[in-house]
Amino acid sequence: MKRFWFVVVFVASMTALTGQAVAEGDAAKGEKLFKGFLRCNNCHSLEPGVTKVGPTLAGLIGRKAGSVEGFNQYSEAMVNSGVIWDKEILNEFLSDPQKYIPGNGMMEGGRIVYVSSARHRADLISYLKEATTQ
């Protein structure tokens, strides 16, 4: 019986440690995802005041969703969401934007944009946190 509990505690500990490692992410890999594979920079700038199809991501962490001054293309859902962006919320949002904020406008070519890989989300969020914090 003692061995059973040891195994349970060991597996739970490893799962928790693995989750924390993934949550931290690699900013260098996240930059490559942002500019390359995921093509986030097609729609979003990291420069303050520079908007594209989507709003600038400068100052993203801690900012209220739908609140970039000068960007007038937000969906009503995004403006009224009450979301304040942090790592955990970004992770949930990026995994399924339409589930997290139904009716938001994060789409590319008529398709919903999402990041299915937890590893990619962690790397991307790490990069965004580093690149957009002032």
Protein backbone atom coordinates (compact mmCIF):
# COMPACT_ATOMS: atom_id res chain seq x y z
CA MET A 1 0.00 0.00 0.00
CA LYS A 2 2.87 2.39 0.80
CA ARG A 3 4.30 1.74 -2.65
CA PHE A 4 0.94 2.65 -4.24
CA TRP A 5 0.87 6.05 -2.52
CA PHE A 6 4.50 6.65 -3.40
CA VAL A 7 3.70 6.08 -7.07
CA VAL A 8 0.64 8.34 -6.89
CA VAL A 9 2.61 11.16 -5.25
CA PHE A 10 5.53 10.69 -7.67
CA VAL A 11 3.30 10.82 -10.76
CA ALA A 12 1.42 13.86 -9.42
CA SER A 13 4.70 15.64 -8.69
CA MET A 14 6.10 14.94 -12.14
CA THR A 15 2.88 16.13 -13.76
CA ALA A 16 3.01 19.37 -11.77
CA LEU A 17 6.67 19.95 -12.63
CA THR A 18 6.07 19.25 -16.30
CA GLY A 19 3.14 21.68 -16.33
CA GLN A 20 5.28 24.40 -14.80
CA ALA A 21 8.08 23.85 -17.33
CA VAL A 22 5.64 24.11 -20.23
CA ALA A 23 4.03 27.21 -18.73
CA GLU A 24 7.37 29.06 -18.76
CA GLY A 25 8.12 28.62 -22.45
CA ASP A 26 11.12 29.64 -24.53
CA ALA A 27 10.95 33.25 -25.74
CA ALA A 28 13.42 32.66 -28.60
CA LYS A 29 11.24 29.86 -29.96
CA GLY A 30 8.18 32.03 -29.38
CA GLU A 31 9.70 34.79 -31.51
CA LYS A 32 10.21 32.33 -34.37
CA LEU A 33 6.60 31.20 -34.01
CA PHE A 34 5.32 34.80 -33.94
CA LYS A 35 7.27 35.82 -37.03
CA GLY A 36 7.31 32.49 -38.85
CA PHE A 37 5.19 29.39 -38.38
CA LEU A 38 2.19 31.05 -36.72
CA ARG A 39 2.52 34.32 -38.70
CA CYS A 40 1.09 36.43 -35.86
CA ASN A 41 3.03 39.44 -37.17
CA ASN A 42 0.89 39.41 -40.33
CA CYS A 43 -1.94 40.89 -38.24
CA HIS A 44 -0.26 42.21 -35.07
CA SER A 45 2.57 44.65 -34.42
CA LEU A 46 4.61 44.77 -31.24
CA GLU A 47 5.23 48.50 -31.62
CA PRO A 48 3.13 50.92 -29.54
CA GLY A 49 0.55 52.73 -31.65
CA VAL A 50 1.14 50.56 -34.73
CA THR A 51 -1.96 48.63 -35.70
CA LYS A 52 -2.46 46.28 -38.62
CA VAL A 53 -5.49 44.10 -39.27
CA GLY A 54 -5.33 43.42 -35.52
CA PRO A 55 -4.35 45.73 -32.67
CA THR A 56 -0.80 46.30 -31.49
CA LEU A 57 0.29 43.83 -28.83
CA ALA A 58 2.55 46.40 -27.13
CA GLY A 59 1.68 46.52 -23.44
CA LEU A 60 -0.48 43.40 -23.80
CA ILE A 61 0.09 41.86 -20.36
CA GLY A 62 -2.17 43.60 -17.85
CA ARG A 63 -4.20 45.40 -20.51
CA LYS A 64 -7.97 45.16 -20.82
CA ALA A 65 -9.08 43.29 -23.93
CA GLY A 66 -10.51 45.51 -26.65
CA SER A 67 -8.93 48.70 -25.35
CA VAL A 68 -6.11 49.76 -27.70
CA GLU A 69 -6.65 53.42 -28.45
CA GLY A 70 -6.96 54.08 -32.16
CA PHE A 71 -7.91 50.51 -33.07
CA ASN A 72 -11.57 50.50 -34.08
CA GLN A 73 -11.98 46.99 -35.48
CA TYR A 74 -12.66 45.15 -32.22
CA SER A 75 -15.66 42.87 -32.07
CA GLU A 76 -18.34 43.79 -29.56
CA ALA A 77 -17.57 40.49 -27.83
CA MET A 78 -13.93 41.48 -27.27
CA VAL A 79 -14.76 44.99 -26.04
CA ASN A 80 -17.37 43.68 -23.60
CA SER A 81 -15.41 40.62 -22.43
CA GLY A 82 -13.96 42.23 -19.31
CA VAL A 83 -10.77 40.21 -19.86
CA ILE A 84 -7.46 41.50 -18.52
CA TRP A 85 -4.63 39.75 -20.39
CA ASP A 86 -2.20 37.63 -18.38
CA LYS A 87 -0.27 34.42 -19.12
CA GLU A 88 -3.04 32.07 -18.01
CA ILE A 89 -5.80 33.89 -19.90
CA LEU A 90 -3.65 34.14 -23.03
CA ASN A 91 -3.03 30.39 -22.84
CA GLU A 92 -6.75 29.66 -22.65
CA PHE A 93 -7.65 32.23 -25.28
CA LEU A 94 -5.03 31.09 -27.80
CA SER A 95 -6.07 27.44 -27.41
CA ASP A 96 -9.63 28.28 -28.52
CA PRO A 97 -10.41 31.98 -29.01
CA GLN A 98 -14.05 31.41 -29.97
CA LYS A 99 -14.68 29.27 -26.90
CA TYR A 100 -12.97 31.74 -24.54
CA ILE A 101 -14.59 34.88 -26.01
CA PRO A 102 -17.44 33.77 -28.28
CA GLY A 103 -17.90 36.11 -31.22
CA ASN A 104 -14.40 37.63 -31.15
CA GLY A 105 -12.85 38.55 -34.48
CA MET A 106 -9.49 36.75 -34.37
CA MET A 107 -9.63 35.14 -37.80
CA GLU A 108 -7.37 34.86 -40.82
CA GLY A 109 -8.73 34.22 -44.28
CA GLY A 110 -12.14 33.38 -42.82
CA ARG A 111 -10.67 30.73 -40.48
CA ILE A 112 -10.55 30.90 -36.71
CA VAL A 113 -6.98 31.36 -35.53
CA TYR A 114 -5.85 29.19 -32.61
CA VAL A 115 -2.68 27.53 -31.30
CA SER A 116 -3.37 23.87 -30.55
CA SER A 117 0.09 22.99 -29.21
CA ALA A 118 0.56 23.72 -25.49
CA ARG A 119 4.32 23.95 -26.11
CA HIS A 120 3.83 26.53 -28.87
CA ARG A 121 1.44 28.55 -26.69
CA ALA A 122 3.95 28.56 -23.82
CA ASP A 123 6.76 29.69 -26.12
CA LEU A 124 4.62 32.33 -27.80
CA ILE A 125 3.34 33.72 -24.48
CA SER A 126 6.89 33.84 -23.10
CA TYR A 127 7.95 35.84 -26.16
CA LEU A 128 4.95 38.17 -25.98
CA LYS A 129 5.54 38.80 -22.29
CA GLU A 130 9.18 39.65 -22.97
CA ALA A 131 8.62 41.65 -26.16
CA THR A 132 5.59 43.67 -25.09
CA THR A 133 6.33 44.59 -21.49
CA GLN A 134 7.40 48.18 -21.16
